[in-house]
Amino acid sequence: GLERPCLGFVLHRLDGVLVTGVNAREQKVIPE
């Protein structure tokens, strides 16, 4: 298994502009 994985998402506009990014580490929800 994978120890303490972090899942993240990034949303970009089609022209490449970053809208937002979030990950499990920032949200403090990393499983063992």
All heavy atoms as atom14 arrays in JSON, in Angstrom:
{
  "sequence": "GLERPCLGFVLHRLDGVLVTGVNAREQKVIPE",
  "atom14_mask": [
    [1, 1, 1, 1, 0, 0, 0, 0, 0, 0, 0, 0, 0, 0],
    [1, 1, 1, 1, 1, 1, 1, 1, 0, 0, 0, 0, 0, 0],
    [1, 1, 1, 1, 1, 1, 1, 1, 1, 0, 0, 0, 0, 0],
    [1, 1, 1, 1, 1, 1, 1, 1, 1, 1, 1, 0, 0, 0],
    [1, 1, 1, 1, 1, 1, 1, 0, 0, 0, 0, 0, 0, 0],
    [1, 1, 1, 1, 1, 1, 0, 0, 0, 0, 0, 0, 0, 0],
    [1, 1, 1, 1, 1, 1, 1, 1, 0, 0, 0, 0, 0, 0],
    [1, 1, 1, 1, 0, 0, 0, 0, 0, 0, 0, 0, 0, 0],
    [1, 1, 1, 1, 1, 1, 1, 1, 1, 1, 1, 0, 0, 0],
    [1, 1, 1, 1, 1, 1, 1, 0, 0, 0, 0, 0, 0, 0],
    [1, 1, 1, 1, 1, 1, 1, 1, 0, 0, 0, 0, 0, 0],
    [1, 1, 1, 1, 1, 1, 1, 1, 1, 1, 0, 0, 0, 0],
    [1, 1, 1, 1, 1, 1, 1, 1, 1, 1, 1, 0, 0, 0],
    [1, 1, 1, 1, 1, 1, 1, 1, 0, 0, 0, 0, 0, 0],
    [1, 1, 1, 1, 1, 1, 1, 1, 0, 0, 0, 0, 0, 0],
    [1, 1, 1, 1, 0, 0, 0, 0, 0, 0, 0, 0, 0, 0],
    [1, 1, 1, 1, 1, 1, 1, 0, 0, 0, 0, 0, 0, 0],
    [1, 1, 1, 1, 1, 1, 1, 1, 0, 0, 0, 0, 0, 0],
    [1, 1, 1, 1, 1, 1, 1, 0, 0, 0, 0, 0, 0, 0],
    [1, 1, 1, 1, 1, 1, 1, 0, 0, 0, 0, 0, 0, 0],
    [1, 1, 1, 1, 0, 0, 0, 0, 0, 0, 0, 0, 0, 0],
    [1, 1, 1, 1, 1, 1, 1, 0, 0, 0, 0, 0, 0, 0],
    [1, 1, 1, 1, 1, 1, 1, 1, 0, 0, 0, 0, 0, 0],
    [1, 1, 1, 1, 1, 0, 0, 0, 0, 0, 0, 0, 0, 0],
    [1, 1, 1, 1, 1, 1, 1, 1, 1, 1, 1, 0, 0, 0],
    [1, 1, 1, 1, 1, 1, 1, 1, 1, 0, 0, 0, 0, 0],
    [1, 1, 1, 1, 1, 1, 1, 1, 1, 0, 0, 0, 0, 0],
    [1, 1, 1, 1, 1, 1, 1, 1, 1, 0, 0, 0, 0, 0],
    [1, 1, 1, 1, 1, 1, 1, 0, 0, 0, 0, 0, 0, 0],
    [1, 1, 1, 1, 1, 1, 1, 1, 0, 0, 0, 0, 0, 0],
    [1, 1, 1, 1, 1, 1, 1, 0, 0, 0, 0, 0, 0, 0],
    [1, 1, 1, 1, 1, 1, 1, 1, 1, 0, 0, 0, 0, 0]
  ],
  "atom14_positions": [
    [[0.82, -1.19, 0.0], [0.0, 0.0, 0.0], [0.86, 1.26, 0.0], [2.07, 1.22, 0.21], [0.0, 0.0, 0.0], [0.0, 0.0, 0.0], [0.0, 0.0, 0.0], [0.0, 0.0, 0.0], [0.0, 0.0, 0.0], [0.0, 0.0, 0.0], [0.0, 0.0, 0.0], [0.0, 0.0, 0.0], [0.0, 0.0, 0.0], [0.0, 0.0, 0.0]],
    [[0.23, 2.34, -0.23], [0.88, 3.65, -0.27], [0.71, 4.31, 1.09], [-0.4, 4.5, 1.56], [0.26, 4.5, -1.37], [0.88, 5.84, -1.68], [2.34, 5.69, -2.07], [0.11, 6.52, -2.81], [0.0, 0.0, 0.0], [0.0, 0.0, 0.0], [0.0, 0.0, 0.0], [0.0, 0.0, 0.0], [0.0, 0.0, 0.0], [0.0, 0.0, 0.0]],
    [[1.83, 4.66, 1.74], [1.8, 5.26, 3.07], [1.49, 6.75, 2.98], [2.1, 7.47, 2.2], [3.14, 5.07, 3.77], [3.54, 3.61, 3.96], [2.6, 2.85, 4.86], [2.15, 3.42, 5.87], [2.3, 1.68, 4.55], [0.0, 0.0, 0.0], [0.0, 0.0, 0.0], [0.0, 0.0, 0.0], [0.0, 0.0, 0.0], [0.0, 0.0, 0.0]],
    [[0.55, 7.22, 3.78], [0.17, 8.63, 3.93], [0.08, 9.38, 2.58], [0.78, 10.35, 2.35], [1.12, 9.32, 4.88], [1.11, 8.67, 6.27], [1.72, 9.43, 7.38], [1.36, 10.83, 7.48], [0.21, 11.3, 8.0], [-0.7, 10.48, 8.44], [0.0, 12.6, 8.07], [0.0, 0.0, 0.0], [0.0, 0.0, 0.0], [0.0, 0.0, 0.0]],
    [[-0.82, 8.93, 1.69], [-0.96, 9.57, 0.39], [-1.68, 10.91, 0.47], [-2.51, 11.13, 1.35], [-1.78, 8.56, -0.41], [-2.66, 7.93, 0.64], [-1.77, 7.84, 1.86], [0.0, 0.0, 0.0], [0.0, 0.0, 0.0], [0.0, 0.0, 0.0], [0.0, 0.0, 0.0], [0.0, 0.0, 0.0], [0.0, 0.0, 0.0], [0.0, 0.0, 0.0]],
    [[-1.35, 11.77, -0.45], [-2.0, 13.08, -0.54], [-2.61, 13.22, -1.92], [-1.92, 13.11, -2.93], [-0.97, 14.19, -0.3], [-1.7, 15.84, -0.38], [0.0, 0.0, 0.0], [0.0, 0.0, 0.0], [0.0, 0.0, 0.0], [0.0, 0.0, 0.0], [0.0, 0.0, 0.0], [0.0, 0.0, 0.0], [0.0, 0.0, 0.0], [0.0, 0.0, 0.0]],
    [[-3.9, 13.47, -1.97], [-4.6, 13.66, -3.23], [-4.86, 15.15, -3.41], [-5.26, 15.84, -2.48], [-5.93, 12.91, -3.22], [-6.75, 12.97, -4.49], [-6.0, 12.32, -5.65], [-8.09, 12.31, -4.3], [0.0, 0.0, 0.0], [0.0, 0.0, 0.0], [0.0, 0.0, 0.0], [0.0, 0.0, 0.0], [0.0, 0.0, 0.0], [0.0, 0.0, 0.0]],
    [[-4.63, 15.62, -4.63], [-4.85, 17.04, -4.9], [-5.55, 17.26, -6.21], [-5.52, 16.41, -7.11], [0.0, 0.0, 0.0], [0.0, 0.0, 0.0], [0.0, 0.0, 0.0], [0.0, 0.0, 0.0], [0.0, 0.0, 0.0], [0.0, 0.0, 0.0], [0.0, 0.0, 0.0], [0.0, 0.0, 0.0], [0.0, 0.0, 0.0], [0.0, 0.0, 0.0]],
    [[-6.2, 18.41, -6.32], [-6.91, 18.81, -7.53], [-6.47, 20.21, -7.93], [-6.19, 21.05, -7.08], [-8.43, 18.86, -7.29], [-9.02, 17.54, -6.92], [-9.3, 17.25, -5.6], [-9.29, 16.59, -7.88], [-9.86, 16.03, -5.24], [-9.83, 15.37, -7.54], [-10.12, 15.08, -6.22], [0.0, 0.0, 0.0], [0.0, 0.0, 0.0], [0.0, 0.0, 0.0]],
    [[-6.42, 20.44, -9.24], [-6.1, 21.76, -9.77], [-7.11, 22.08, -10.87], [-7.41, 21.23, -11.72], [-4.66, 21.8, -10.35], [-4.37, 23.15, -10.96], [-3.65, 21.47, -9.3], [0.0, 0.0, 0.0], [0.0, 0.0, 0.0], [0.0, 0.0, 0.0], [0.0, 0.0, 0.0], [0.0, 0.0, 0.0], [0.0, 0.0, 0.0], [0.0, 0.0, 0.0]],
    [[-7.62, 23.3, -10.86], [-8.56, 23.75, -11.88], [-7.94, 24.9, -12.66], [-7.49, 25.89, -12.06], [-9.87, 24.21, -11.22], [-11.0, 24.63, -12.15], [-11.45, 23.47, -13.04], [-12.18, 25.17, -11.34], [0.0, 0.0, 0.0], [0.0, 0.0, 0.0], [0.0, 0.0, 0.0], [0.0, 0.0, 0.0], [0.0, 0.0, 0.0], [0.0, 0.0, 0.0]],
    [[-7.86, 24.74, -13.99], [-7.32, 25.76, -14.88], [-8.38, 26.17, -15.89], [-9.19, 25.34, -16.31], [-6.13, 25.22, -15.69], [-4.86, 25.15, -14.93], [-4.47, 24.01, -14.28], [-3.9, 26.07, -14.72], [-3.3, 24.22, -13.7], [-2.94, 25.46, -13.95], [0.0, 0.0, 0.0], [0.0, 0.0, 0.0], [0.0, 0.0, 0.0], [0.0, 0.0, 0.0]],
    [[-8.33, 27.41, -16.29], [-9.11, 27.85, -17.44], [-8.39, 27.35, -18.68], [-7.18, 27.09, -18.65], [-9.21, 29.38, -17.43], [-10.38, 29.93, -18.19], [-10.6, 31.39, -17.9], [-9.38, 32.17, -18.18], [-9.24, 33.45, -17.85], [-10.22, 34.07, -17.23], [-8.14, 34.09, -18.14], [0.0, 0.0, 0.0], [0.0, 0.0, 0.0], [0.0, 0.0, 0.0]],
    [[-9.08, 27.2, -19.79], [-8.5, 26.63, -21.01], [-7.26, 27.39, -21.47], [-6.33, 26.8, -22.01], [-9.54, 26.58, -22.13], [-9.14, 25.83, -23.39], [-8.81, 24.37, -23.08], [-10.22, 25.91, -24.43], [0.0, 0.0, 0.0], [0.0, 0.0, 0.0], [0.0, 0.0, 0.0], [0.0, 0.0, 0.0], [0.0, 0.0, 0.0], [0.0, 0.0, 0.0]],
    [[-7.19, 28.7, -21.22], [-6.03, 29.48, -21.63], [-4.85, 29.34, -20.67], [-3.83, 30.0, -20.82], [-6.39, 30.95, -21.82], [-6.86, 31.62, -20.54], [-6.87, 30.98, -19.47], [-7.24, 32.81, -20.6], [0.0, 0.0, 0.0], [0.0, 0.0, 0.0], [0.0, 0.0, 0.0], [0.0, 0.0, 0.0], [0.0, 0.0, 0.0], [0.0, 0.0, 0.0]],
    [[-4.99, 28.45, -19.66], [-3.89, 28.17, -18.75], [-3.93, 28.92, -17.43], [-3.11, 28.66, -16.55], [0.0, 0.0, 0.0], [0.0, 0.0, 0.0], [0.0, 0.0, 0.0], [0.0, 0.0, 0.0], [0.0, 0.0, 0.0], [0.0, 0.0, 0.0], [0.0, 0.0, 0.0], [0.0, 0.0, 0.0], [0.0, 0.0, 0.0], [0.0, 0.0, 0.0]],
    [[-4.87, 29.84, -17.26], [-4.96, 30.6, -16.01], [-5.38, 29.66, -14.88], [-6.38, 28.93, -14.99], [-5.97, 31.77, -16.14], [-6.23, 32.42, -14.79], [-5.46, 32.78, -17.14], [0.0, 0.0, 0.0], [0.0, 0.0, 0.0], [0.0, 0.0, 0.0], [0.0, 0.0, 0.0], [0.0, 0.0, 0.0], [0.0, 0.0, 0.0], [0.0, 0.0, 0.0]],
    [[-4.61, 29.66, -13.79], [-4.93, 28.85, -12.61], [-6.13, 29.45, -11.89], [-6.11, 30.63, -11.53], [-3.74, 28.79, -11.66], [-3.98, 28.11, -10.32], [-4.29, 26.64, -10.51], [-2.78, 28.3, -9.42], [0.0, 0.0, 0.0], [0.0, 0.0, 0.0], [0.0, 0.0, 0.0], [0.0, 0.0, 0.0], [0.0, 0.0, 0.0], [0.0, 0.0, 0.0]],
    [[-7.17, 28.64, -11.69], [-8.34, 29.08, -10.94], [-8.16, 28.77, -9.46], [-8.28, 29.64, -8.62], [-9.63, 28.41, -11.47], [-10.84, 28.8, -10.64], [-9.84, 28.74, -12.94], [0.0, 0.0, 0.0], [0.0, 0.0, 0.0], [0.0, 0.0, 0.0], [0.0, 0.0, 0.0], [0.0, 0.0, 0.0], [0.0, 0.0, 0.0], [0.0, 0.0, 0.0]],
    [[-7.84, 27.51, -9.17], [-7.64, 27.11, -7.78], [-6.96, 25.75, -7.72], [-6.96, 25.0, -8.69], [-8.97, 27.06, -7.0], [-8.7, 26.9, -5.61], [-9.87, 25.94, -7.49], [0.0, 0.0, 0.0], [0.0, 0.0, 0.0], [0.0, 0.0, 0.0], [0.0, 0.0, 0.0], [0.0, 0.0, 0.0], [0.0, 0.0, 0.0], [0.0, 0.0, 0.0]],
    [[-6.38, 25.48, -6.59], [-5.78, 24.18, -6.32], [-5.99, 23.85, -4.86], [-5.95, 24.73, -4.01], [0.0, 0.0, 0.0], [0.0, 0.0, 0.0], [0.0, 0.0, 0.0], [0.0, 0.0, 0.0], [0.0, 0.0, 0.0], [0.0, 0.0, 0.0], [0.0, 0.0, 0.0], [0.0, 0.0, 0.0], [0.0, 0.0, 0.0], [0.0, 0.0, 0.0]],
    [[-6.23, 22.59, -4.58], [-6.46, 22.16, -3.2], [-5.91, 20.75, -3.06], [-5.88, 19.98, -4.03], [-7.96, 22.22, -2.84], [-8.77, 21.25, -3.66], [-8.17, 21.99, -1.36], [0.0, 0.0, 0.0], [0.0, 0.0, 0.0], [0.0, 0.0, 0.0], [0.0, 0.0, 0.0], [0.0, 0.0, 0.0], [0.0, 0.0, 0.0], [0.0, 0.0, 0.0]],
    [[-5.42, 20.42, -1.86], [-4.98, 19.05, -1.63], [-5.36, 18.59, -0.22], [-5.71, 19.39, 0.64], [-3.48, 18.89, -1.91], [-2.62, 19.65, -0.94], [-2.76, 19.52, 0.28], [-1.71, 20.46, -1.46], [0.0, 0.0, 0.0], [0.0, 0.0, 0.0], [0.0, 0.0, 0.0], [0.0, 0.0, 0.0], [0.0, 0.0, 0.0], [0.0, 0.0, 0.0]],
    [[-5.27, 17.29, -0.04], [-5.67, 16.68, 1.23], [-4.79, 17.14, 2.39], [-5.24, 17.2, 3.53], [-5.64, 15.15, 1.1], [0.0, 0.0, 0.0], [0.0, 0.0, 0.0], [0.0, 0.0, 0.0], [0.0, 0.0, 0.0], [0.0, 0.0, 0.0], [0.0, 0.0, 0.0], [0.0, 0.0, 0.0], [0.0, 0.0, 0.0], [0.0, 0.0, 0.0]],
    [[-3.54, 17.45, 2.1], [-2.63, 17.91, 3.17], [-3.13, 19.23, 3.75], [-3.16, 19.43, 4.96], [-1.22, 18.05, 2.63], [-0.22, 18.46, 3.67], [1.18, 18.5, 3.1], [2.12, 18.88, 4.12], [3.27, 19.44, 3.89], [3.65, 19.65, 2.65], [4.07, 19.77, 4.87], [0.0, 0.0, 0.0], [0.0, 0.0, 0.0], [0.0, 0.0, 0.0]],
    [[-3.51, 20.16, 2.87], [-4.03, 21.45, 3.33], [-5.32, 21.28, 4.14], [-5.58, 22.04, 5.06], [-4.3, 22.37, 2.14], [-3.04, 22.78, 1.41], [-3.34, 23.44, 0.07], [-4.48, 23.32, -0.43], [-2.42, 24.06, -0.48], [0.0, 0.0, 0.0], [0.0, 0.0, 0.0], [0.0, 0.0, 0.0], [0.0, 0.0, 0.0], [0.0, 0.0, 0.0]],
    [[-6.11, 20.29, 3.76], [-7.38, 20.03, 4.44], [-7.22, 19.12, 5.66], [-8.19, 18.84, 6.35], [-8.38, 19.4, 3.46], [-8.62, 20.24, 2.22], [-9.18, 21.61, 2.55], [-10.08, 21.74, 3.37], [-8.64, 22.64, 1.93], [0.0, 0.0, 0.0], [0.0, 0.0, 0.0], [0.0, 0.0, 0.0], [0.0, 0.0, 0.0], [0.0, 0.0, 0.0]],
    [[-5.99, 18.64, 5.88], [-5.68, 17.76, 7.02], [-6.5, 16.47, 7.02], [-7.06, 16.06, 8.05], [-5.83, 18.51, 8.33], [-4.88, 19.68, 8.46], [-5.12, 20.47, 9.74], [-4.17, 21.61, 9.93], [-3.96, 22.53, 8.86], [0.0, 0.0, 0.0], [0.0, 0.0, 0.0], [0.0, 0.0, 0.0], [0.0, 0.0, 0.0], [0.0, 0.0, 0.0]],
    [[-6.58, 15.82, 5.84], [-7.33, 14.57, 5.72], [-6.5, 13.49, 5.01], [-6.99, 12.79, 4.13], [-8.68, 14.78, 4.99], [-9.64, 15.57, 5.83], [-8.47, 15.44, 3.63], [0.0, 0.0, 0.0], [0.0, 0.0, 0.0], [0.0, 0.0, 0.0], [0.0, 0.0, 0.0], [0.0, 0.0, 0.0], [0.0, 0.0, 0.0], [0.0, 0.0, 0.0]],
    [[-5.25, 13.34, 5.39], [-4.39, 12.32, 4.8], [-4.58, 11.0, 5.54], [-4.36, 10.93, 6.75], [-2.91, 12.76, 4.84], [-2.73, 13.98, 3.95], [-1.99, 11.63, 4.4], [-1.32, 14.51, 3.89], [0.0, 0.0, 0.0], [0.0, 0.0, 0.0], [0.0, 0.0, 0.0], [0.0, 0.0, 0.0], [0.0, 0.0, 0.0], [0.0, 0.0, 0.0]],
    [[-4.95, 9.94, 4.81], [-5.1, 8.63, 5.47], [-3.73, 8.01, 5.78], [-2.72, 8.39, 5.18], [-5.85, 7.8, 4.44], [-5.51, 8.43, 3.13], [-5.32, 9.89, 3.41], [0.0, 0.0, 0.0], [0.0, 0.0, 0.0], [0.0, 0.0, 0.0], [0.0, 0.0, 0.0], [0.0, 0.0, 0.0], [0.0, 0.0, 0.0], [0.0, 0.0, 0.0]],
    [[-3.7, 7.06, 6.69], [-2.44, 6.39, 7.03], [-1.9, 5.57, 5.86], [-0.72, 5.6, 5.57], [-2.62, 5.51, 8.27], [-2.76, 6.31, 9.56], [-1.57, 7.22, 9.83], [-0.42, 6.77, 9.68], [-1.79, 8.39, 10.18], [0.0, 0.0, 0.0], [0.0, 0.0, 0.0], [0.0, 0.0, 0.0], [0.0, 0.0, 0.0], [0.0, 0.0, 0.0]]
  ]
}
